[in-house]
Amino acid sequence: MSLRERQRRQVRDEIQRAAYALFAEHGFDAVTTEQIAAAAGVSASTYFRHVRSKEDLLLEPVREGGQGIVALLEARPAAEAADIALAQAILTRSTARAVTELEQWRSAFATAPHLLDRVALIEPEHRERLVELVAQRMSRDPERDSTPGLLVHLMLAAAEFGYLRWLRSAHHREMSLAVCVEGALDAVAGARWRADD
């Protein structure tokens, strides 16, 4: 990552942190973009260079995970079963942020329940790449065999379910994102995906 990209990421992170604190304190609908910019110490024009909408501040942490999941799956041991490798890549990416940061995000999200229906773990191009990687692990042609695609879609749906369960349980602090996501992924993983069984 270049210096410029790191600086952009830092500004974006500051805006996000400021927004989360304001949302948690005042509610999503009551907070203006001007208030977020001021709390982050940036101008309104800088804010809009980094953020398309207030909604994106809450939804981006989930969406930006796709590229990370792909990279993590590519790095998993080649001999590892497809379902285990994919589940571990998703779980690792889902828990990459610090617990305090995740809790701030969840508290902010609790003030915008109308956005829960828009939680999507991955963009279409990253989903396609995951299908390719899983097909390679399973030694299957994704054009002729729907099994790799089905596994990817089920795993991502399970992980999204875990995210939603965790986001909706803001009043249960003991329920962690890792527990919610891992439990959902475990329900999908299993011997039925393994060629040698």
N, C-alpha and C. Protein backbone atom coordinates (compact mmCIF):
# COMPACT_ATOMS: atom_id res chain seq x y z
N MET A 1 0.85 -1.18 0.00
CA MET A 1 0.00 0.00 0.00
C MET A 1 0.89 1.24 0.00
N SER A 2 0.61 2.16 -0.90
CA SER A 2 1.42 3.37 -1.02
C SER A 2 1.13 4.32 0.14
N LEU A 3 1.99 5.31 0.30
CA LEU A 3 1.81 6.32 1.35
C LEU A 3 0.48 7.03 1.16
N ARG A 4 0.17 7.38 -0.07
CA ARG A 4 -1.09 8.08 -0.35
C ARG A 4 -2.30 7.21 0.02
N GLU A 5 -2.24 5.94 -0.32
CA GLU A 5 -3.34 5.04 0.04
C GLU A 5 -3.48 4.90 1.54
N ARG A 6 -2.34 4.84 2.25
CA ARG A 6 -2.38 4.75 3.71
C ARG A 6 -2.99 6.01 4.31
N GLN A 7 -2.64 7.17 3.75
CA GLN A 7 -3.21 8.43 4.24
C GLN A 7 -4.72 8.49 4.00
N ARG A 8 -5.15 8.04 2.82
CA ARG A 8 -6.58 8.01 2.51
C ARG A 8 -7.30 7.07 3.49
N ARG A 9 -6.68 5.92 3.76
CA ARG A 9 -7.28 4.95 4.67
C ARG A 9 -7.39 5.53 6.08
N GLN A 10 -6.35 6.27 6.49
CA GLN A 10 -6.36 6.89 7.82
C GLN A 10 -7.48 7.92 7.94
N VAL A 11 -7.65 8.76 6.93
CA VAL A 11 -8.72 9.76 6.95
C VAL A 11 -10.07 9.06 6.99
N ARG A 12 -10.22 8.05 6.16
CA ARG A 12 -11.48 7.28 6.13
C ARG A 12 -11.77 6.65 7.50
N ASP A 13 -10.74 6.08 8.13
CA ASP A 13 -10.91 5.48 9.45
C ASP A 13 -11.31 6.51 10.50
N GLU A 14 -10.73 7.70 10.43
CA GLU A 14 -11.08 8.77 11.38
C GLU A 14 -12.53 9.20 11.19
N ILE A 15 -12.95 9.31 9.94
CA ILE A 15 -14.34 9.67 9.66
C ILE A 15 -15.27 8.58 10.19
N GLN A 16 -14.91 7.34 9.95
CA GLN A 16 -15.73 6.22 10.41
C GLN A 16 -15.85 6.20 11.93
N ARG A 17 -14.74 6.34 12.62
CA ARG A 17 -14.76 6.34 14.10
C ARG A 17 -15.62 7.47 14.63
N ALA A 18 -15.46 8.64 14.04
CA ALA A 18 -16.27 9.79 14.48
C ALA A 18 -17.76 9.53 14.25
N ALA A 19 -18.08 8.96 13.09
CA ALA A 19 -19.47 8.66 12.78
C ALA A 19 -20.05 7.64 13.74
N TYR A 20 -19.30 6.59 14.04
CA TYR A 20 -19.79 5.55 14.95
C TYR A 20 -20.12 6.14 16.33
N ALA A 21 -19.21 6.99 16.83
CA ALA A 21 -19.44 7.59 18.14
C ALA A 21 -20.69 8.48 18.11
N LEU A 22 -20.84 9.26 17.06
CA LEU A 22 -22.01 10.14 16.95
C LEU A 22 -23.30 9.34 16.78
N PHE A 23 -23.27 8.31 15.94
CA PHE A 23 -24.47 7.49 15.74
C PHE A 23 -24.89 6.84 17.05
N ALA A 24 -23.92 6.28 17.78
CA ALA A 24 -24.23 5.59 19.03
C ALA A 24 -24.81 6.55 20.06
N GLU A 25 -24.32 7.80 20.06
CA GLU A 25 -24.77 8.77 21.05
C GLU A 25 -26.09 9.44 20.67
N HIS A 26 -26.25 9.79 19.39
CA HIS A 26 -27.41 10.59 18.99
C HIS A 26 -28.40 9.87 18.09
N GLY A 27 -28.00 8.73 17.53
CA GLY A 27 -28.86 8.02 16.59
C GLY A 27 -28.48 8.35 15.16
N PHE A 28 -28.57 7.37 14.30
CA PHE A 28 -28.14 7.50 12.90
C PHE A 28 -28.84 8.66 12.20
N ASP A 29 -30.16 8.73 12.32
CA ASP A 29 -30.93 9.75 11.59
C ASP A 29 -30.68 11.16 12.08
N ALA A 30 -30.30 11.31 13.34
CA ALA A 30 -30.11 12.65 13.91
C ALA A 30 -28.75 13.27 13.57
N VAL A 31 -27.83 12.46 13.10
CA VAL A 31 -26.47 12.95 12.83
C VAL A 31 -26.34 13.41 11.39
N THR A 32 -25.76 14.58 11.19
CA THR A 32 -25.56 15.12 9.84
C THR A 32 -24.14 14.84 9.36
N THR A 33 -23.96 14.90 8.06
CA THR A 33 -22.61 14.71 7.51
C THR A 33 -21.67 15.81 7.98
N GLU A 34 -22.20 17.03 8.17
CA GLU A 34 -21.39 18.14 8.66
C GLU A 34 -20.88 17.85 10.07
N GLN A 35 -21.73 17.26 10.92
CA GLN A 35 -21.31 16.91 12.28
C GLN A 35 -20.21 15.84 12.24
N ILE A 36 -20.36 14.87 11.36
CA ILE A 36 -19.35 13.81 11.25
C ILE A 36 -18.02 14.42 10.80
N ALA A 37 -18.06 15.26 9.78
CA ALA A 37 -16.83 15.90 9.28
C ALA A 37 -16.15 16.69 10.38
N ALA A 38 -16.93 17.47 11.13
CA ALA A 38 -16.36 18.29 12.20
C ALA A 38 -15.74 17.41 13.29
N ALA A 39 -16.44 16.36 13.67
CA ALA A 39 -15.92 15.47 14.71
C ALA A 39 -14.65 14.75 14.26
N ALA A 40 -14.54 14.49 12.95
CA ALA A 40 -13.34 13.83 12.41
C ALA A 40 -12.22 14.82 12.14
N GLY A 41 -12.51 16.11 12.23
CA GLY A 41 -11.50 17.13 12.00
C GLY A 41 -11.17 17.33 10.54
N VAL A 42 -12.18 17.12 9.66
CA VAL A 42 -11.97 17.32 8.23
C VAL A 42 -13.04 18.26 7.68
N SER A 43 -12.78 18.81 6.52
CA SER A 43 -13.77 19.68 5.88
C SER A 43 -14.87 18.83 5.26
N ALA A 44 -15.98 19.49 4.95
CA ALA A 44 -17.09 18.79 4.28
C ALA A 44 -16.63 18.24 2.93
N SER A 45 -15.81 18.98 2.20
CA SER A 45 -15.36 18.50 0.90
C SER A 45 -14.45 17.27 1.05
N THR A 46 -13.61 17.26 2.08
CA THR A 46 -12.78 16.08 2.34
C THR A 46 -13.66 14.88 2.70
N TYR A 47 -14.67 15.12 3.52
CA TYR A 47 -15.61 14.06 3.90
C TYR A 47 -16.20 13.42 2.63
N PHE A 48 -16.69 14.26 1.73
CA PHE A 48 -17.36 13.72 0.53
C PHE A 48 -16.38 13.10 -0.48
N ARG A 49 -15.09 13.41 -0.37
CA ARG A 49 -14.10 12.71 -1.20
C ARG A 49 -13.90 11.27 -0.72
N HIS A 50 -14.20 11.03 0.55
CA HIS A 50 -13.96 9.71 1.14
C HIS A 50 -15.23 8.90 1.39
N VAL A 51 -16.37 9.56 1.44
CA VAL A 51 -17.62 8.89 1.81
C VAL A 51 -18.73 9.29 0.85
N ARG A 52 -19.40 8.28 0.29
CA ARG A 52 -20.53 8.57 -0.61
C ARG A 52 -21.79 8.90 0.16
N SER A 53 -22.01 8.18 1.28
CA SER A 53 -23.24 8.39 2.06
C SER A 53 -23.03 7.92 3.49
N LYS A 54 -23.89 8.39 4.38
CA LYS A 54 -23.82 7.94 5.77
C LYS A 54 -24.01 6.42 5.85
N GLU A 55 -24.90 5.90 5.02
CA GLU A 55 -25.16 4.46 5.01
C GLU A 55 -23.89 3.67 4.74
N ASP A 56 -23.07 4.16 3.81
CA ASP A 56 -21.82 3.47 3.47
C ASP A 56 -20.88 3.34 4.67
N LEU A 57 -20.93 4.31 5.57
CA LEU A 57 -20.07 4.23 6.74
C LEU A 57 -20.38 2.99 7.58
N LEU A 58 -21.63 2.58 7.59
CA LEU A 58 -22.02 1.38 8.34
C LEU A 58 -21.88 0.11 7.52
N LEU A 59 -22.13 0.19 6.22
CA LEU A 59 -22.14 -1.00 5.38
C LEU A 59 -20.77 -1.39 4.84
N GLU A 60 -19.87 -0.44 4.69
CA GLU A 60 -18.55 -0.71 4.11
C GLU A 60 -17.72 -1.74 4.86
N PRO A 61 -17.73 -1.75 6.20
CA PRO A 61 -16.91 -2.76 6.88
C PRO A 61 -17.24 -4.19 6.46
N VAL A 62 -18.49 -4.45 6.11
CA VAL A 62 -18.85 -5.78 5.64
C VAL A 62 -18.44 -5.94 4.19
N ARG A 63 -18.77 -4.99 3.34
CA ARG A 63 -18.51 -5.08 1.90
C ARG A 63 -17.03 -5.17 1.56
N GLU A 64 -16.21 -4.45 2.31
CA GLU A 64 -14.78 -4.41 1.96
C GLU A 64 -14.06 -5.70 2.32
N GLY A 65 -14.76 -6.62 2.93
CA GLY A 65 -14.14 -7.88 3.32
C GLY A 65 -13.91 -8.84 2.18
N GLY A 66 -14.57 -8.65 1.04
CA GLY A 66 -14.48 -9.61 -0.06
C GLY A 66 -13.08 -9.86 -0.57
N GLN A 67 -12.36 -8.79 -0.82
CA GLN A 67 -10.99 -8.94 -1.32
C GLN A 67 -10.12 -9.63 -0.27
N GLY A 68 -10.36 -9.33 0.99
CA GLY A 68 -9.60 -9.96 2.06
C GLY A 68 -9.88 -11.45 2.15
N ILE A 69 -11.15 -11.84 1.97
CA ILE A 69 -11.50 -13.27 2.01
C ILE A 69 -10.82 -14.00 0.87
N VAL A 70 -10.82 -13.40 -0.32
CA VAL A 70 -10.15 -14.01 -1.48
C VAL A 70 -8.67 -14.22 -1.17
N ALA A 71 -8.00 -13.18 -0.67
CA ALA A 71 -6.56 -13.28 -0.38
C ALA A 71 -6.29 -14.34 0.69
N LEU A 72 -7.13 -14.40 1.70
CA LEU A 72 -6.95 -15.38 2.76
C LEU A 72 -7.16 -16.81 2.24
N LEU A 73 -8.15 -16.99 1.36
CA LEU A 73 -8.38 -18.32 0.79
C LEU A 73 -7.20 -18.74 -0.08
N GLU A 74 -6.66 -17.80 -0.84
CA GLU A 74 -5.50 -18.10 -1.69
C GLU A 74 -4.30 -18.53 -0.84
N ALA A 75 -4.21 -18.02 0.37
CA ALA A 75 -3.07 -18.31 1.24
C ALA A 75 -3.23 -19.58 2.08
N ARG A 76 -4.42 -20.16 2.09
CA ARG A 76 -4.66 -21.37 2.89
C ARG A 76 -3.87 -22.54 2.28
N PRO A 77 -3.50 -23.53 3.09
CA PRO A 77 -2.76 -24.69 2.57
C PRO A 77 -3.52 -25.38 1.43
N ALA A 78 -2.81 -25.72 0.37
CA ALA A 78 -3.43 -26.29 -0.83
C ALA A 78 -4.15 -27.60 -0.55
N ALA A 79 -3.69 -28.37 0.40
CA ALA A 79 -4.29 -29.68 0.68
C ALA A 79 -5.53 -29.58 1.57
N GLU A 80 -5.82 -28.40 2.09
CA GLU A 80 -6.96 -28.24 2.99
C GLU A 80 -8.27 -28.36 2.22
N ALA A 81 -9.24 -29.05 2.79
CA ALA A 81 -10.54 -29.22 2.14
C ALA A 81 -11.18 -27.86 1.86
N ALA A 82 -11.91 -27.77 0.76
CA ALA A 82 -12.49 -26.51 0.31
C ALA A 82 -13.39 -25.87 1.36
N ASP A 83 -14.25 -26.66 2.00
CA ASP A 83 -15.18 -26.09 2.98
C ASP A 83 -14.44 -25.53 4.19
N ILE A 84 -13.42 -26.25 4.65
CA ILE A 84 -12.64 -25.79 5.81
C ILE A 84 -11.85 -24.54 5.45
N ALA A 85 -11.19 -24.56 4.30
CA ALA A 85 -10.38 -23.40 3.87
C ALA A 85 -11.25 -22.16 3.72
N LEU A 86 -12.40 -22.30 3.08
CA LEU A 86 -13.28 -21.15 2.87
C LEU A 86 -13.83 -20.65 4.20
N ALA A 87 -14.25 -21.56 5.07
CA ALA A 87 -14.78 -21.15 6.38
C ALA A 87 -13.71 -20.41 7.18
N GLN A 88 -12.48 -20.90 7.15
CA GLN A 88 -11.40 -20.25 7.90
C GLN A 88 -11.06 -18.88 7.32
N ALA A 89 -11.10 -18.76 6.00
CA ALA A 89 -10.83 -17.46 5.36
C ALA A 89 -11.90 -16.45 5.77
N ILE A 90 -13.15 -16.86 5.73
CA ILE A 90 -14.25 -15.96 6.10
C ILE A 90 -14.15 -15.59 7.58
N LEU A 91 -13.91 -16.56 8.43
CA LEU A 91 -13.84 -16.30 9.87
C LEU A 91 -12.66 -15.39 10.21
N THR A 92 -11.51 -15.65 9.60
CA THR A 92 -10.33 -14.82 9.85
C THR A 92 -10.58 -13.37 9.44
N ARG A 93 -11.18 -13.19 8.28
CA ARG A 93 -11.47 -11.83 7.81
C ARG A 93 -12.52 -11.15 8.68
N SER A 94 -13.51 -11.92 9.11
CA SER A 94 -14.60 -11.35 9.92
C SER A 94 -14.13 -10.88 11.29
N THR A 95 -13.05 -11.45 11.77
CA THR A 95 -12.58 -11.11 13.12
C THR A 95 -11.25 -10.35 13.08
N ALA A 96 -10.91 -9.77 11.93
CA ALA A 96 -9.64 -9.07 11.78
C ALA A 96 -9.60 -7.74 12.54
N ARG A 97 -10.75 -7.15 12.77
CA ARG A 97 -10.78 -5.87 13.48
C ARG A 97 -10.74 -6.09 14.98
N ALA A 98 -10.24 -5.10 15.69
CA ALA A 98 -10.17 -5.18 17.15
C ALA A 98 -11.57 -5.25 17.74
N VAL A 99 -11.69 -5.91 18.88
CA VAL A 99 -12.99 -6.08 19.53
C VAL A 99 -13.64 -4.73 19.84
N THR A 100 -12.86 -3.78 20.31
CA THR A 100 -13.43 -2.46 20.64
C THR A 100 -13.98 -1.78 19.39
N GLU A 101 -13.26 -1.91 18.28
CA GLU A 101 -13.71 -1.34 17.02
C GLU A 101 -15.01 -2.01 16.56
N LEU A 102 -15.07 -3.34 16.68
CA LEU A 102 -16.29 -4.06 16.31
C LEU A 102 -17.47 -3.64 17.17
N GLU A 103 -17.23 -3.44 18.47
CA GLU A 103 -18.31 -3.05 19.37
C GLU A 103 -18.81 -1.63 19.05
N GLN A 104 -17.90 -0.72 18.68
CA GLN A 104 -18.31 0.62 18.28
C GLN A 104 -19.18 0.55 17.03
N TRP A 105 -18.79 -0.29 16.10
CA TRP A 105 -19.56 -0.46 14.87
C TRP A 105 -20.95 -1.01 15.18
N ARG A 106 -21.01 -2.03 16.04
CA ARG A 106 -22.30 -2.63 16.38
C ARG A 106 -23.20 -1.62 17.09
N SER A 107 -22.65 -0.84 18.02
CA SER A 107 -23.44 0.18 18.72
C SER A 107 -23.99 1.22 17.75
N ALA A 108 -23.17 1.61 16.78
CA ALA A 108 -23.62 2.57 15.76
C ALA A 108 -24.70 1.95 14.89
N PHE A 109 -24.51 0.70 14.49
CA PHE A 109 -25.47 0.01 13.62
C PHE A 109 -26.81 -0.17 14.31
N ALA A 110 -26.80 -0.31 15.63
CA ALA A 110 -28.05 -0.49 16.39
C ALA A 110 -28.99 0.69 16.23
N THR A 111 -28.46 1.84 15.83
CA THR A 111 -29.30 3.03 15.65
C THR A 111 -29.84 3.13 14.23
N ALA A 112 -29.49 2.17 13.37
CA ALA A 112 -29.95 2.17 11.97
C ALA A 112 -30.43 0.79 11.57
N PRO A 113 -31.41 0.22 12.27
CA PRO A 113 -31.86 -1.14 11.96
C PRO A 113 -32.41 -1.30 10.54
N HIS A 114 -32.84 -0.19 9.93
CA HIS A 114 -33.35 -0.25 8.56
C HIS A 114 -32.27 -0.65 7.55
N LEU A 115 -30.99 -0.58 7.94
CA LEU A 115 -29.90 -0.94 7.04
C LEU A 115 -29.52 -2.42 7.13
N LEU A 116 -30.07 -3.14 8.09
CA LEU A 116 -29.71 -4.55 8.26
C LEU A 116 -29.98 -5.38 7.01
N ASP A 117 -31.05 -5.06 6.29
CA ASP A 117 -31.38 -5.80 5.07
C ASP A 117 -30.36 -5.59 3.96
N ARG A 118 -29.49 -4.60 4.12
CA ARG A 118 -28.50 -4.31 3.07
C ARG A 118 -27.11 -4.87 3.39
N VAL A 119 -27.01 -5.63 4.48
CA VAL A 119 -25.72 -6.24 4.84
C VAL A 119 -25.41 -7.33 3.82
N ALA A 120 -24.34 -7.14 3.07
CA ALA A 120 -23.90 -8.13 2.08
C ALA A 120 -22.40 -8.31 2.26
N LEU A 121 -21.99 -9.54 2.42
CA LEU A 121 -20.61 -9.83 2.80
C LEU A 121 -19.61 -9.60 1.67
N ILE A 122 -20.05 -9.66 0.42
CA ILE A 122 -19.05 -9.68 -0.65
C ILE A 122 -19.64 -9.14 -1.95
N GLU A 123 -18.80 -8.52 -2.74
CA GLU A 123 -19.21 -8.00 -4.04
C GLU A 123 -19.19 -9.14 -5.07
N PRO A 124 -19.98 -9.03 -6.16
CA PRO A 124 -20.08 -10.12 -7.14
C PRO A 124 -18.74 -10.59 -7.73
N GLU A 125 -17.83 -9.67 -8.02
CA GLU A 125 -16.56 -10.10 -8.63
C GLU A 125 -15.72 -10.93 -7.66
N HIS A 126 -15.79 -10.62 -6.38
CA HIS A 126 -15.06 -11.42 -5.39
C HIS A 126 -15.75 -12.77 -5.19
N ARG A 127 -17.06 -12.80 -5.27
CA ARG A 127 -17.80 -14.07 -5.17
C ARG A 127 -17.38 -15.00 -6.31
N GLU A 128 -17.27 -14.46 -7.52
CA GLU A 128 -16.85 -15.25 -8.68
C GLU A 128 -15.44 -15.82 -8.48
N ARG A 129 -14.55 -15.01 -7.94
CA ARG A 129 -13.19 -15.48 -7.70
C ARG A 129 -13.17 -16.58 -6.64
N LEU A 130 -14.00 -16.45 -5.63
CA LEU A 130 -14.09 -17.50 -4.61
C LEU A 130 -14.58 -18.81 -5.22
N VAL A 131 -15.54 -18.73 -6.13
CA VAL A 131 -16.04 -19.94 -6.79
C VAL A 131 -14.90 -20.61 -7.57
N GLU A 132 -14.09 -19.80 -8.28
CA GLU A 132 -12.95 -20.35 -9.01
C GLU A 132 -11.97 -21.05 -8.07
N LEU A 133 -11.65 -20.40 -6.96
CA LEU A 133 -10.69 -20.97 -6.02
C LEU A 133 -11.21 -22.25 -5.37
N VAL A 134 -12.49 -22.25 -5.02
CA VAL A 134 -13.08 -23.45 -4.42
C VAL A 134 -13.13 -24.58 -5.44
N ALA A 135 -13.47 -24.26 -6.69
CA ALA A 135 -13.50 -25.28 -7.74
C ALA A 135 -12.13 -25.92 -7.92
N GLN A 136 -11.06 -25.11 -7.86
CA GLN A 136 -9.71 -25.65 -7.96
C GLN A 136 -9.43 -26.62 -6.82
N ARG A 137 -9.82 -26.24 -5.62
CA ARG A 137 -9.60 -27.11 -4.46
C ARG A 137 -10.38 -28.42 -4.57
N MET A 138 -11.54 -28.35 -5.20
CA MET A 138 -12.40 -29.52 -5.31
C MET A 138 -12.13 -30.31 -6.59
N SER A 139 -11.22 -29.79 -7.42
CA SER A 139 -10.92 -30.39 -8.74
C SER A 139 -12.20 -30.56 -9.55
N ARG A 140 -12.97 -29.47 -9.61
CA ARG A 140 -14.23 -29.50 -10.35
C ARG A 140 -14.27 -28.32 -11.32
N ASP A 141 -15.01 -28.48 -12.38
CA ASP A 141 -15.21 -27.43 -13.37
C ASP A 141 -16.48 -26.67 -12.99
N PRO A 142 -16.35 -25.42 -12.57
CA PRO A 142 -17.54 -24.69 -12.12
C PRO A 142 -18.56 -24.42 -13.24
N GLU A 143 -18.12 -24.59 -14.50
CA GLU A 143 -19.05 -24.42 -15.62
C GLU A 143 -19.97 -25.64 -15.76
N ARG A 144 -19.49 -26.79 -15.33
CA ARG A 144 -20.26 -28.04 -15.49
C ARG A 144 -20.80 -28.58 -14.18
N ASP A 145 -20.21 -28.14 -13.08
CA ASP A 145 -20.59 -28.68 -11.78
C ASP A 145 -20.92 -27.50 -10.87
N SER A 146 -22.12 -27.47 -10.36
CA SER A 146 -22.55 -26.33 -9.54
C SER A 146 -22.10 -26.45 -8.08
N THR A 147 -21.46 -27.54 -7.71
CA THR A 147 -21.08 -27.75 -6.31
C THR A 147 -20.18 -26.64 -5.75
N PRO A 148 -19.11 -26.22 -6.45
CA PRO A 148 -18.28 -25.13 -5.89
C PRO A 148 -19.08 -23.84 -5.67
N GLY A 149 -19.90 -23.49 -6.64
CA GLY A 149 -20.71 -22.27 -6.50
C GLY A 149 -21.70 -22.38 -5.35
N LEU A 150 -22.30 -23.55 -5.20
CA LEU A 150 -23.25 -23.76 -4.12
C LEU A 150 -22.55 -23.63 -2.76
N LEU A 151 -21.37 -24.23 -2.64
CA LEU A 151 -20.63 -24.13 -1.38
C LEU A 151 -20.32 -22.67 -1.05
N VAL A 152 -19.82 -21.91 -2.02
CA VAL A 152 -19.48 -20.51 -1.78
C VAL A 152 -20.73 -19.73 -1.37
N HIS A 153 -21.82 -19.90 -2.10
CA HIS A 153 -23.03 -19.15 -1.78
C HIS A 153 -23.58 -19.52 -0.40
N LEU A 154 -23.55 -20.80 -0.06
CA LEU A 154 -24.04 -21.21 1.25
C LEU A 154 -23.15 -20.68 2.38
N MET A 155 -21.84 -20.75 2.19
CA MET A 155 -20.91 -20.25 3.21
C MET A 155 -21.08 -18.74 3.42
N LEU A 156 -21.20 -18.00 2.32
CA LEU A 156 -21.37 -16.55 2.45
C LEU A 156 -22.71 -16.21 3.08
N ALA A 157 -23.75 -16.94 2.71
CA ALA A 157 -25.07 -16.72 3.32
C ALA A 157 -25.02 -17.03 4.81
N ALA A 158 -24.33 -18.10 5.18
CA ALA A 158 -24.19 -18.45 6.60
C ALA A 158 -23.45 -17.35 7.35
N ALA A 159 -22.36 -16.85 6.76
CA ALA A 159 -21.60 -15.79 7.41
C ALA A 159 -22.43 -14.52 7.54
N GLU A 160 -23.19 -14.17 6.50
CA GLU A 160 -24.07 -12.99 6.59
C GLU A 160 -25.10 -13.18 7.69
N PHE A 161 -25.64 -14.39 7.82
CA PHE A 161 -26.56 -14.70 8.90
C PHE A 161 -25.88 -14.46 10.25
N GLY A 162 -24.63 -14.91 10.37
CA GLY A 162 -23.88 -14.70 11.61
C GLY A 162 -23.68 -13.22 11.91
N TYR A 163 -23.33 -12.44 10.88
CA TYR A 163 -23.18 -10.99 11.04
C TYR A 163 -24.49 -10.37 11.52
N LEU A 164 -25.58 -10.72 10.86
CA LEU A 164 -26.88 -10.15 11.22
C LEU A 164 -27.28 -10.53 12.64
N ARG A 165 -27.03 -11.76 13.01
CA ARG A 165 -27.35 -12.20 14.37
C ARG A 165 -26.57 -11.37 15.38
N TRP A 166 -25.29 -11.16 15.09
CA TRP A 166 -24.45 -10.39 15.98
C TRP A 166 -24.88 -8.92 16.03
N LEU A 167 -25.15 -8.33 14.87
CA LEU A 167 -25.56 -6.93 14.83
C LEU A 167 -26.88 -6.70 15.57
N ARG A 168 -27.79 -7.66 15.47
CA ARG A 168 -29.08 -7.53 16.13
C ARG A 168 -29.01 -7.77 17.64
N SER A 169 -27.90 -8.30 18.10
CA SER A 169 -27.77 -8.64 19.52
C SER A 169 -26.91 -7.62 20.27
N ALA A 170 -27.04 -6.36 19.92
CA ALA A 170 -26.20 -5.32 20.53
C ALA A 170 -26.34 -5.28 22.05
N HIS A 171 -27.48 -5.70 22.58
CA HIS A 171 -27.68 -5.68 24.03
C HIS A 171 -27.06 -6.90 24.71
N HIS A 172 -26.59 -7.88 23.94
CA HIS A 172 -25.91 -9.05 24.49
C HIS A 172 -24.41 -8.91 24.22
N ARG A 173 -23.71 -8.19 25.04
CA ARG A 173 -22.29 -7.92 24.83
C ARG A 173 -21.44 -9.19 24.84
N GLU A 174 -21.92 -10.23 25.52
CA GLU A 174 -21.13 -11.46 25.61
C GLU A 174 -21.13 -12.24 24.30
N MET A 175 -22.04 -11.90 23.38
CA MET A 175 -22.11 -12.61 22.10
C MET A 175 -21.13 -11.95 21.12
N SER A 176 -20.08 -12.64 20.77
CA SER A 176 -19.06 -12.07 19.90
C SER A 176 -19.36 -12.35 18.43
N LEU A 177 -18.78 -11.54 17.57
CA LEU A 177 -18.91 -11.75 16.12
C LEU A 177 -18.32 -13.09 15.74
N ALA A 178 -17.18 -13.44 16.32
CA ALA A 178 -16.52 -14.71 16.00
C ALA A 178 -17.43 -15.89 16.31
N VAL A 179 -18.09 -15.88 17.45
CA VAL A 179 -18.98 -16.97 17.84
C VAL A 179 -20.16 -17.07 16.88
N CYS A 180 -20.75 -15.94 16.54
CA CYS A 180 -21.91 -15.94 15.63
C CYS A 180 -21.54 -16.44 14.24
N VAL A 181 -20.43 -15.95 13.70
CA VAL A 181 -20.02 -16.34 12.35
C VAL A 181 -19.55 -17.79 12.33
N GLU A 182 -18.75 -18.18 13.31
CA GLU A 182 -18.25 -19.55 13.34
C GLU A 182 -19.38 -20.57 13.48
N GLY A 183 -20.36 -20.26 14.32
CA GLY A 183 -21.49 -21.16 14.49
C GLY A 183 -22.27 -21.34 13.20
N ALA A 184 -22.47 -20.24 12.47
CA ALA A 184 -23.19 -20.31 11.21
C ALA A 184 -22.39 -21.09 10.16
N LEU A 185 -21.09 -20.86 10.09
CA LEU A 185 -20.25 -21.56 9.12
C LEU A 185 -20.18 -23.06 9.43
N ASP A 186 -20.12 -23.40 10.71
CA ASP A 186 -20.07 -24.81 11.10
C ASP A 186 -21.31 -25.57 10.64
N ALA A 187 -22.43 -24.87 10.56
CA ALA A 187 -23.67 -25.52 10.12
C ALA A 187 -23.61 -25.91 8.65
N VAL A 188 -22.78 -25.22 7.88
CA VAL A 188 -22.66 -25.48 6.43
C VAL A 188 -21.52 -26.44 6.12
N ALA A 189 -20.40 -26.27 6.84
CA ALA A 189 -19.22 -27.11 6.57
C ALA A 189 -19.52 -28.56 6.89
N GLY A 190 -18.85 -29.45 6.20
CA GLY A 190 -19.04 -30.86 6.51
C GLY A 190 -18.55 -31.78 5.42
N ALA A 191 -18.60 -33.04 5.70
CA ALA A 191 -18.04 -34.06 4.81
C ALA A 191 -18.69 -34.10 3.43
N ARG A 192 -19.92 -33.64 3.32
CA ARG A 192 -20.59 -33.74 2.01
C ARG A 192 -19.88 -32.96 0.91
N TRP A 193 -18.97 -32.02 1.28
CA TRP A 193 -18.25 -31.23 0.29
C TRP A 193 -16.93 -31.87 -0.10
N ARG A 194 -16.54 -32.91 0.56
CA ARG A 194 -15.20 -33.46 0.35
C ARG A 194 -15.21 -34.64 -0.61
N ALA A 195 -14.35 -34.56 -1.61
CA ALA A 195 -14.33 -35.57 -2.67
C ALA A 195 -13.97 -36.95 -2.17
N ASP A 196 -13.16 -37.03 -1.11
CA ASP A 196 -12.69 -38.34 -0.67
C ASP A 196 -13.67 -39.05 0.27
N ASP A 197 -14.78 -38.41 0.61
CA ASP A 197 -15.77 -39.04 1.50
C ASP A 197 -16.90 -39.66 0.71
